[in-house]
């Protein structure tokens, strides 16, 4: 997690702001229910094949964004049922969030169903998008092209997205 803007300093410690629950951001309360919130964000990262949470939101605005009821959008590769698990992990009231045992039961029940459905993804899909040095999305269409282009140094992997300001 070496992305710029991933951590903020709190009491001389770096914390992963974008994975923290509302009650931590408001009251610095940290417990198993805040861990469930963070796990929901990890599930979202898996569903997006590695996207950066709240990429378009500056660190200073994360709390207000979440307090307004906003949450991470459903990944295109994720089933509705699995997205509902994510959303339940991000309940405003920690008492309404599932336990890890509840989450495990959900995944055990759906073990014959893919969590991430790759069938709908274009075979040329690359995430995170590759950007040129000016921040414009590249037109690289396959992994071989990515490897060659990265090897010659003409493109950079911009984890915060193309044409977006880093936070």
N, C-alpha and C. Protein backbone atom coordinates (compact mmCIF):
# COMPACT_ATOMS: atom_id res chain seq x y z
N UNK A 1 0.83 -1.17 0.00
CA UNK A 1 0.00 0.00 0.00
C UNK A 1 0.88 1.25 0.00
N UNK A 2 1.56 1.44 -1.08
CA UNK A 2 2.47 2.57 -1.17
C UNK A 2 1.87 3.76 -1.90
N UNK A 3 0.58 3.73 -2.15
CA UNK A 3 -0.07 4.82 -2.87
C UNK A 3 -0.04 6.10 -2.05
N UNK A 4 0.21 7.19 -2.71
CA UNK A 4 0.15 8.48 -2.05
C UNK A 4 -1.29 8.75 -1.64
N UNK A 5 -1.51 9.19 -0.42
CA UNK A 5 -2.85 9.49 0.05
C UNK A 5 -3.58 8.31 0.64
N UNK A 6 -2.92 7.16 0.74
CA UNK A 6 -3.56 5.98 1.31
C UNK A 6 -3.64 6.10 2.83
N UNK A 7 -2.62 6.61 3.45
CA UNK A 7 -2.57 6.71 4.90
C UNK A 7 -2.62 8.17 5.34
N UNK A 8 -3.20 8.39 6.52
CA UNK A 8 -3.09 9.68 7.18
C UNK A 8 -2.40 9.44 8.51
N UNK A 9 -1.82 10.47 9.08
CA UNK A 9 -1.14 10.32 10.36
C UNK A 9 -2.11 10.65 11.49
N UNK A 10 -2.23 9.74 12.43
CA UNK A 10 -3.06 9.92 13.61
C UNK A 10 -2.25 9.45 14.80
N UNK A 11 -2.07 10.35 15.76
CA UNK A 11 -1.26 10.04 16.95
C UNK A 11 0.08 9.46 16.54
N UNK A 12 0.71 10.10 15.58
CA UNK A 12 2.02 9.72 15.07
C UNK A 12 2.05 8.34 14.41
N UNK A 13 0.89 7.81 14.05
CA UNK A 13 0.81 6.55 13.32
C UNK A 13 0.10 6.79 12.00
N UNK A 14 0.50 6.05 11.00
CA UNK A 14 -0.19 6.09 9.71
C UNK A 14 -1.37 5.13 9.77
N UNK A 15 -2.53 5.61 9.32
CA UNK A 15 -3.71 4.75 9.29
C UNK A 15 -4.30 4.74 7.88
N UNK A 16 -4.88 3.62 7.47
CA UNK A 16 -5.48 3.52 6.14
C UNK A 16 -6.88 4.14 6.11
N UNK A 17 -6.93 5.43 5.94
CA UNK A 17 -8.16 6.22 6.03
C UNK A 17 -9.32 5.63 5.24
N UNK A 18 -9.09 5.23 4.02
CA UNK A 18 -10.16 4.81 3.12
C UNK A 18 -10.74 3.44 3.46
N UNK A 19 -10.14 2.76 4.40
CA UNK A 19 -10.63 1.46 4.84
C UNK A 19 -11.28 1.55 6.22
N UNK A 20 -11.24 2.72 6.82
CA UNK A 20 -11.73 2.90 8.19
C UNK A 20 -13.23 3.19 8.22
N UNK A 21 -13.88 2.65 9.24
CA UNK A 21 -15.32 2.82 9.43
C UNK A 21 -15.64 4.23 9.91
N UNK A 22 -16.89 4.61 9.71
CA UNK A 22 -17.35 5.92 10.15
C UNK A 22 -17.09 6.18 11.63
N UNK A 23 -17.36 5.20 12.49
CA UNK A 23 -17.16 5.43 13.92
C UNK A 23 -15.70 5.66 14.28
N UNK A 24 -14.80 5.10 13.49
CA UNK A 24 -13.39 5.40 13.73
C UNK A 24 -13.09 6.83 13.30
N UNK A 25 -13.58 7.22 12.14
CA UNK A 25 -13.31 8.56 11.63
C UNK A 25 -13.94 9.64 12.52
N UNK A 26 -15.05 9.32 13.15
CA UNK A 26 -15.74 10.29 14.01
C UNK A 26 -15.26 10.27 15.46
N UNK A 27 -15.03 9.07 15.99
CA UNK A 27 -14.76 8.92 17.43
C UNK A 27 -13.50 8.12 17.73
N UNK A 28 -12.78 7.70 16.71
CA UNK A 28 -11.57 6.88 16.85
C UNK A 28 -11.86 5.57 17.57
N UNK A 29 -13.08 5.06 17.38
CA UNK A 29 -13.48 3.77 17.94
C UNK A 29 -13.06 2.68 16.97
N UNK A 30 -12.34 1.68 17.47
CA UNK A 30 -11.83 0.61 16.63
C UNK A 30 -12.15 -0.73 17.30
N UNK A 31 -12.89 -1.59 16.61
CA UNK A 31 -13.25 -2.89 17.16
C UNK A 31 -13.54 -3.86 16.01
N UNK A 32 -14.13 -5.00 16.32
CA UNK A 32 -14.39 -5.99 15.27
C UNK A 32 -15.38 -5.48 14.24
N UNK A 33 -16.28 -4.59 14.61
CA UNK A 33 -17.23 -4.04 13.65
C UNK A 33 -16.55 -3.07 12.68
N UNK A 34 -15.50 -2.38 13.14
CA UNK A 34 -14.75 -1.54 12.20
C UNK A 34 -13.91 -2.42 11.28
N UNK A 35 -13.50 -3.57 11.78
CA UNK A 35 -12.78 -4.53 10.93
C UNK A 35 -13.70 -5.07 9.83
N UNK A 36 -14.96 -5.28 10.16
CA UNK A 36 -15.94 -5.74 9.16
C UNK A 36 -16.08 -4.68 8.07
N UNK A 37 -16.14 -3.40 8.44
CA UNK A 37 -16.21 -2.32 7.46
C UNK A 37 -15.01 -2.41 6.51
N UNK A 38 -13.81 -2.52 7.10
CA UNK A 38 -12.59 -2.60 6.29
C UNK A 38 -12.62 -3.82 5.37
N UNK A 39 -13.13 -4.94 5.88
CA UNK A 39 -13.23 -6.14 5.07
C UNK A 39 -14.16 -5.92 3.87
N UNK A 40 -15.22 -5.16 4.08
CA UNK A 40 -16.10 -4.81 2.97
C UNK A 40 -15.36 -4.04 1.89
N UNK A 41 -14.45 -3.16 2.30
CA UNK A 41 -13.65 -2.41 1.33
C UNK A 41 -12.70 -3.36 0.59
N UNK A 42 -12.12 -4.32 1.31
CA UNK A 42 -11.25 -5.31 0.67
C UNK A 42 -12.04 -6.14 -0.34
N UNK A 43 -13.26 -6.54 0.02
CA UNK A 43 -14.10 -7.27 -0.94
C UNK A 43 -14.35 -6.42 -2.18
N UNK A 44 -14.58 -5.13 -1.98
CA UNK A 44 -14.79 -4.21 -3.10
C UNK A 44 -13.53 -4.15 -3.97
N UNK A 45 -12.37 -4.09 -3.34
CA UNK A 45 -11.11 -4.07 -4.11
C UNK A 45 -10.98 -5.33 -4.97
N UNK A 46 -11.33 -6.47 -4.41
CA UNK A 46 -11.29 -7.71 -5.17
C UNK A 46 -12.26 -7.63 -6.34
N UNK A 47 -13.46 -7.16 -6.07
CA UNK A 47 -14.48 -7.05 -7.11
C UNK A 47 -14.11 -6.10 -8.22
N UNK A 48 -13.29 -5.10 -7.92
CA UNK A 48 -12.86 -4.14 -8.94
C UNK A 48 -11.52 -4.50 -9.54
N UNK A 49 -10.97 -5.62 -9.13
CA UNK A 49 -9.66 -6.07 -9.59
C UNK A 49 -8.57 -5.08 -9.22
N UNK A 50 -8.72 -4.47 -8.06
CA UNK A 50 -7.65 -3.64 -7.52
C UNK A 50 -7.81 -2.15 -7.58
N UNK A 51 -9.01 -1.65 -7.74
CA UNK A 51 -9.21 -0.20 -7.78
C UNK A 51 -8.93 0.42 -6.41
N UNK A 52 -8.69 1.71 -6.40
CA UNK A 52 -8.40 2.47 -5.19
C UNK A 52 -9.71 3.02 -4.62
N UNK A 53 -10.05 2.70 -3.37
CA UNK A 53 -11.33 3.13 -2.81
C UNK A 53 -11.48 4.65 -2.77
N UNK A 54 -12.65 5.12 -3.15
CA UNK A 54 -12.98 6.55 -3.13
C UNK A 54 -11.94 7.37 -3.89
N UNK A 55 -11.51 6.85 -5.01
CA UNK A 55 -10.43 7.47 -5.78
C UNK A 55 -10.70 8.94 -6.08
N UNK A 56 -11.94 9.28 -6.36
CA UNK A 56 -12.26 10.64 -6.77
C UNK A 56 -12.46 11.59 -5.59
N UNK A 57 -12.38 11.07 -4.36
CA UNK A 57 -12.63 11.88 -3.17
C UNK A 57 -11.31 12.20 -2.47
N UNK A 58 -11.10 13.46 -2.15
CA UNK A 58 -9.89 13.88 -1.42
C UNK A 58 -10.00 13.39 0.03
N UNK A 59 -8.87 13.07 0.64
CA UNK A 59 -8.87 12.59 2.03
C UNK A 59 -9.68 13.50 2.96
N UNK A 60 -9.58 14.80 2.77
CA UNK A 60 -10.28 15.75 3.63
C UNK A 60 -11.80 15.63 3.52
N UNK A 61 -12.29 15.01 2.46
CA UNK A 61 -13.73 14.92 2.22
C UNK A 61 -14.33 13.54 2.45
N UNK A 62 -13.50 12.57 2.81
CA UNK A 62 -13.99 11.19 2.99
C UNK A 62 -15.06 11.12 4.07
N UNK A 63 -14.82 11.73 5.22
CA UNK A 63 -15.78 11.65 6.32
C UNK A 63 -17.14 12.20 5.91
N UNK A 64 -17.17 13.39 5.35
CA UNK A 64 -18.45 14.00 4.94
C UNK A 64 -19.13 13.16 3.86
N UNK A 65 -18.35 12.60 2.96
CA UNK A 65 -18.89 11.75 1.89
C UNK A 65 -19.62 10.55 2.49
N UNK A 66 -18.99 9.90 3.46
CA UNK A 66 -19.59 8.73 4.10
C UNK A 66 -20.77 9.12 4.99
N UNK A 67 -20.64 10.23 5.72
CA UNK A 67 -21.73 10.69 6.58
C UNK A 67 -22.99 11.01 5.76
N UNK A 68 -22.79 11.42 4.52
CA UNK A 68 -23.93 11.72 3.64
C UNK A 68 -24.60 10.44 3.12
N UNK A 69 -24.08 9.29 3.51
CA UNK A 69 -24.69 8.02 3.11
C UNK A 69 -24.09 7.41 1.86
N UNK A 70 -23.08 8.03 1.30
CA UNK A 70 -22.44 7.50 0.09
C UNK A 70 -21.58 6.29 0.44
N UNK A 71 -21.52 5.36 -0.49
CA UNK A 71 -20.69 4.17 -0.34
C UNK A 71 -20.05 3.87 -1.68
N UNK A 72 -19.12 2.93 -1.67
CA UNK A 72 -18.46 2.52 -2.91
C UNK A 72 -19.49 1.89 -3.85
N UNK A 73 -19.35 2.18 -5.13
CA UNK A 73 -20.28 1.67 -6.14
C UNK A 73 -20.08 0.18 -6.37
N UNK A 74 -21.12 -0.47 -6.85
CA UNK A 74 -21.05 -1.90 -7.16
C UNK A 74 -20.07 -2.14 -8.30
N UNK A 75 -19.07 -3.00 -8.07
CA UNK A 75 -18.15 -3.36 -9.16
C UNK A 75 -18.90 -4.09 -10.28
N UNK A 76 -18.52 -3.83 -11.51
CA UNK A 76 -19.22 -4.47 -12.64
C UNK A 76 -19.03 -5.98 -12.66
N UNK A 77 -17.98 -6.47 -12.03
CA UNK A 77 -17.70 -7.90 -12.03
C UNK A 77 -18.35 -8.64 -10.87
N UNK A 78 -19.04 -7.93 -10.01
CA UNK A 78 -19.54 -8.48 -8.76
C UNK A 78 -21.03 -8.81 -8.85
N UNK A 79 -21.43 -9.91 -8.24
CA UNK A 79 -22.85 -10.27 -8.23
C UNK A 79 -23.61 -9.35 -7.27
N UNK A 80 -24.91 -9.25 -7.47
CA UNK A 80 -25.74 -8.44 -6.58
C UNK A 80 -25.67 -8.96 -5.14
N UNK A 81 -25.69 -10.27 -4.99
CA UNK A 81 -25.65 -10.87 -3.64
C UNK A 81 -24.36 -10.51 -2.91
N UNK A 82 -23.26 -10.56 -3.61
CA UNK A 82 -21.98 -10.23 -2.96
C UNK A 82 -21.88 -8.73 -2.69
N UNK A 83 -22.46 -7.93 -3.56
CA UNK A 83 -22.45 -6.48 -3.30
C UNK A 83 -23.31 -6.17 -2.07
N UNK A 84 -24.39 -6.91 -1.88
CA UNK A 84 -25.21 -6.71 -0.68
C UNK A 84 -24.40 -7.01 0.58
N UNK A 85 -23.51 -8.00 0.51
CA UNK A 85 -22.64 -8.27 1.65
C UNK A 85 -21.75 -7.06 1.91
N UNK A 86 -21.17 -6.50 0.86
CA UNK A 86 -20.34 -5.30 1.02
C UNK A 86 -21.14 -4.18 1.66
N UNK A 87 -22.33 -3.94 1.12
CA UNK A 87 -23.16 -2.85 1.65
C UNK A 87 -23.51 -3.09 3.12
N UNK A 88 -23.74 -4.34 3.49
CA UNK A 88 -24.05 -4.62 4.89
C UNK A 88 -22.82 -4.35 5.78
N UNK A 89 -21.64 -4.56 5.23
CA UNK A 89 -20.41 -4.25 5.97
C UNK A 89 -20.27 -2.75 6.22
N UNK A 90 -20.90 -1.94 5.38
CA UNK A 90 -20.78 -0.48 5.48
C UNK A 90 -22.01 0.17 6.11
N UNK A 91 -22.80 -0.59 6.84
CA UNK A 91 -23.95 -0.02 7.55
C UNK A 91 -23.48 1.09 8.48
N UNK A 92 -24.27 2.15 8.55
CA UNK A 92 -23.93 3.28 9.43
C UNK A 92 -23.89 2.82 10.89
N UNK A 93 -24.87 2.03 11.28
CA UNK A 93 -24.94 1.51 12.65
C UNK A 93 -24.11 0.23 12.73
N UNK A 94 -23.03 0.24 13.51
CA UNK A 94 -22.18 -0.95 13.60
C UNK A 94 -22.93 -2.21 14.04
N UNK A 95 -23.97 -2.05 14.85
CA UNK A 95 -24.74 -3.20 15.32
C UNK A 95 -25.49 -3.90 14.19
N UNK A 96 -25.72 -3.20 13.09
CA UNK A 96 -26.43 -3.77 11.94
C UNK A 96 -25.48 -4.47 10.97
N UNK A 97 -24.18 -4.34 11.18
CA UNK A 97 -23.21 -5.00 10.31
C UNK A 97 -23.14 -6.48 10.63
N UNK A 98 -22.82 -7.29 9.63
CA UNK A 98 -22.66 -8.72 9.90
C UNK A 98 -21.40 -8.98 10.71
N UNK A 99 -21.36 -10.14 11.32
CA UNK A 99 -20.12 -10.59 11.95
C UNK A 99 -19.30 -11.30 10.88
N UNK A 100 -18.05 -11.59 11.20
CA UNK A 100 -17.24 -12.35 10.24
C UNK A 100 -17.83 -13.75 10.06
N UNK A 101 -18.44 -14.30 11.09
CA UNK A 101 -19.09 -15.61 10.96
C UNK A 101 -20.25 -15.53 9.97
N UNK A 102 -21.02 -14.43 10.02
CA UNK A 102 -22.11 -14.24 9.05
C UNK A 102 -21.57 -14.17 7.62
N UNK A 103 -20.49 -13.44 7.45
CA UNK A 103 -19.89 -13.30 6.12
C UNK A 103 -19.38 -14.65 5.62
N UNK A 104 -18.73 -15.40 6.51
CA UNK A 104 -18.23 -16.72 6.14
C UNK A 104 -19.38 -17.63 5.71
N UNK A 105 -20.48 -17.58 6.46
CA UNK A 105 -21.65 -18.40 6.09
C UNK A 105 -22.18 -18.01 4.71
N UNK A 106 -22.21 -16.71 4.43
CA UNK A 106 -22.68 -16.26 3.11
C UNK A 106 -21.80 -16.86 2.01
N UNK A 107 -20.49 -16.75 2.17
CA UNK A 107 -19.61 -17.26 1.13
C UNK A 107 -19.62 -18.78 1.06
N UNK A 108 -19.82 -19.45 2.18
CA UNK A 108 -19.94 -20.91 2.16
C UNK A 108 -21.21 -21.32 1.42
N UNK A 109 -22.28 -20.57 1.63
CA UNK A 109 -23.56 -20.86 0.98
C UNK A 109 -23.47 -20.63 -0.53
N UNK A 110 -22.67 -19.66 -0.94
CA UNK A 110 -22.56 -19.32 -2.37
C UNK A 110 -21.26 -19.83 -2.97
N UNK A 111 -20.65 -20.84 -2.36
CA UNK A 111 -19.32 -21.29 -2.80
C UNK A 111 -19.30 -21.79 -4.24
N UNK A 112 -20.43 -22.19 -4.78
CA UNK A 112 -20.46 -22.66 -6.16
C UNK A 112 -20.70 -21.54 -7.16
N UNK A 113 -20.78 -20.32 -6.66
CA UNK A 113 -20.98 -19.15 -7.51
C UNK A 113 -19.74 -18.26 -7.46
N UNK A 114 -19.35 -17.76 -8.60
CA UNK A 114 -18.16 -16.91 -8.65
C UNK A 114 -18.41 -15.60 -7.92
N UNK A 115 -17.41 -15.18 -7.16
CA UNK A 115 -17.48 -13.88 -6.49
C UNK A 115 -17.24 -12.77 -7.50
N UNK A 116 -16.22 -12.97 -8.33
CA UNK A 116 -15.91 -12.03 -9.40
C UNK A 116 -16.16 -12.76 -10.71
N UNK A 117 -17.03 -12.21 -11.52
CA UNK A 117 -17.39 -12.82 -12.79
C UNK A 117 -16.54 -12.21 -13.90
N UNK A 118 -15.57 -12.97 -14.35
CA UNK A 118 -14.67 -12.49 -15.39
C UNK A 118 -15.26 -12.63 -16.78
N UNK A 119 -16.37 -13.34 -16.92
CA UNK A 119 -16.92 -13.59 -18.25
C UNK A 119 -17.37 -12.32 -18.95
N UNK A 120 -17.76 -11.30 -18.19
CA UNK A 120 -18.23 -10.07 -18.81
C UNK A 120 -17.14 -9.05 -19.07
N UNK A 121 -15.91 -9.39 -18.72
CA UNK A 121 -14.81 -8.44 -18.88
C UNK A 121 -14.17 -8.64 -20.25
N UNK A 122 -13.95 -7.55 -20.94
CA UNK A 122 -13.25 -7.59 -22.21
C UNK A 122 -11.88 -8.21 -22.00
N UNK A 123 -11.44 -9.14 -22.84
CA UNK A 123 -10.14 -9.78 -22.67
C UNK A 123 -8.97 -8.79 -22.66
N UNK A 124 -9.17 -7.61 -23.20
CA UNK A 124 -8.08 -6.63 -23.23
C UNK A 124 -8.07 -5.74 -21.99
N UNK A 125 -8.99 -5.98 -21.05
CA UNK A 125 -9.10 -5.14 -19.85
C UNK A 125 -7.82 -5.18 -19.03
N UNK A 126 -7.33 -4.02 -18.66
CA UNK A 126 -6.15 -3.91 -17.80
C UNK A 126 -6.51 -2.97 -16.66
N UNK A 127 -6.30 -3.40 -15.44
CA UNK A 127 -6.51 -2.51 -14.31
C UNK A 127 -5.31 -2.58 -13.41
N UNK A 128 -4.86 -1.49 -12.84
CA UNK A 128 -5.37 -0.16 -13.10
C UNK A 128 -5.02 0.29 -14.50
N UNK A 129 -5.76 1.27 -15.03
CA UNK A 129 -5.48 1.71 -16.39
C UNK A 129 -4.06 2.21 -16.51
N UNK A 130 -3.47 1.97 -17.64
CA UNK A 130 -2.13 2.48 -17.89
C UNK A 130 -2.27 3.89 -18.46
N UNK A 131 -1.44 4.79 -17.98
CA UNK A 131 -1.51 6.18 -18.42
C UNK A 131 -0.15 6.62 -18.93
N UNK A 132 -0.18 7.52 -19.90
CA UNK A 132 1.08 8.09 -20.34
C UNK A 132 1.52 9.14 -19.32
N UNK A 133 2.67 9.73 -19.53
CA UNK A 133 3.23 10.66 -18.54
C UNK A 133 2.37 11.90 -18.36
N UNK A 134 1.49 12.21 -19.30
CA UNK A 134 0.60 13.36 -19.17
C UNK A 134 -0.70 12.97 -18.47
N UNK A 135 -0.88 11.69 -18.13
CA UNK A 135 -2.08 11.25 -17.43
C UNK A 135 -3.22 10.84 -18.33
N UNK A 136 -2.95 10.64 -19.62
CA UNK A 136 -3.99 10.22 -20.55
C UNK A 136 -4.00 8.70 -20.64
N UNK A 137 -5.21 8.12 -20.71
CA UNK A 137 -5.30 6.66 -20.81
C UNK A 137 -4.60 6.18 -22.07
N UNK A 138 -3.88 5.08 -21.92
CA UNK A 138 -3.20 4.51 -23.07
C UNK A 138 -4.17 3.66 -23.87
N UNK A 139 -3.73 3.26 -25.03
CA UNK A 139 -4.57 2.37 -25.84
C UNK A 139 -3.97 0.98 -25.88
N UNK A 140 -3.22 0.62 -24.84
CA UNK A 140 -2.64 -0.71 -24.76
C UNK A 140 -3.77 -1.73 -24.65
N UNK A 141 -3.69 -2.77 -25.44
CA UNK A 141 -4.81 -3.71 -25.52
C UNK A 141 -4.54 -5.08 -24.93
N UNK A 142 -3.32 -5.40 -24.57
CA UNK A 142 -3.09 -6.70 -23.97
C UNK A 142 -1.91 -6.64 -23.01
N UNK A 143 -1.75 -7.70 -22.23
CA UNK A 143 -0.72 -7.72 -21.21
C UNK A 143 0.67 -7.65 -21.82
N UNK A 144 0.88 -8.28 -22.97
CA UNK A 144 2.18 -8.22 -23.63
C UNK A 144 2.53 -6.78 -23.95
N UNK A 145 1.57 -6.06 -24.49
CA UNK A 145 1.81 -4.64 -24.78
C UNK A 145 2.11 -3.85 -23.53
N UNK A 146 1.43 -4.17 -22.45
CA UNK A 146 1.69 -3.49 -21.18
C UNK A 146 3.11 -3.76 -20.73
N UNK A 147 3.51 -5.03 -20.76
CA UNK A 147 4.85 -5.39 -20.30
C UNK A 147 5.91 -4.70 -21.14
N UNK A 148 5.74 -4.69 -22.45
CA UNK A 148 6.72 -4.04 -23.32
C UNK A 148 6.76 -2.54 -23.09
N UNK A 149 5.61 -1.93 -22.96
CA UNK A 149 5.55 -0.49 -22.80
C UNK A 149 6.13 -0.07 -21.45
N UNK A 150 5.81 -0.82 -20.40
CA UNK A 150 6.37 -0.50 -19.08
C UNK A 150 7.88 -0.71 -19.10
N UNK A 151 8.33 -1.78 -19.75
CA UNK A 151 9.76 -2.07 -19.80
C UNK A 151 10.55 -0.96 -20.47
N UNK A 152 9.99 -0.33 -21.51
CA UNK A 152 10.74 0.74 -22.17
C UNK A 152 10.52 2.09 -21.51
N UNK A 153 9.69 2.13 -20.46
CA UNK A 153 9.55 3.34 -19.65
C UNK A 153 8.68 4.43 -20.23
N UNK A 154 7.93 4.15 -21.30
CA UNK A 154 7.15 5.22 -21.91
C UNK A 154 5.80 5.44 -21.23
N UNK A 155 5.38 4.53 -20.37
CA UNK A 155 4.13 4.70 -19.64
C UNK A 155 4.38 4.45 -18.17
N UNK A 156 3.51 5.01 -17.34
CA UNK A 156 3.58 4.76 -15.91
C UNK A 156 2.26 4.20 -15.43
N UNK A 157 2.32 3.44 -14.38
CA UNK A 157 1.10 2.90 -13.80
C UNK A 157 0.60 3.93 -12.79
N UNK A 158 -0.49 4.58 -13.10
CA UNK A 158 -1.02 5.64 -12.26
C UNK A 158 -2.17 5.07 -11.45
N UNK A 159 -1.90 4.66 -10.20
CA UNK A 159 -2.91 3.96 -9.41
C UNK A 159 -4.08 4.84 -9.02
N UNK A 160 -3.95 6.15 -9.10
CA UNK A 160 -5.09 6.99 -8.73
C UNK A 160 -5.97 7.30 -9.92
N UNK A 161 -5.63 6.77 -11.08
CA UNK A 161 -6.48 6.95 -12.25
C UNK A 161 -5.95 7.99 -13.21
N UNK A 162 -6.39 7.91 -14.42
CA UNK A 162 -5.95 8.83 -15.45
C UNK A 162 -6.65 10.17 -15.29
N UNK A 163 -5.90 11.22 -15.54
CA UNK A 163 -6.43 12.58 -15.49
C UNK A 163 -7.11 12.90 -14.17
N UNK A 164 -6.60 12.35 -13.09
CA UNK A 164 -7.17 12.66 -11.78
C UNK A 164 -6.07 13.15 -10.87
N UNK A 165 -6.40 14.09 -10.03
CA UNK A 165 -5.45 14.63 -9.08
C UNK A 165 -5.21 13.63 -7.96
N UNK A 166 -3.95 13.39 -7.63
CA UNK A 166 -3.64 12.52 -6.51
C UNK A 166 -4.01 13.21 -5.22
N UNK A 167 -4.50 12.41 -4.28
CA UNK A 167 -4.86 12.96 -2.97
C UNK A 167 -3.79 12.67 -1.96
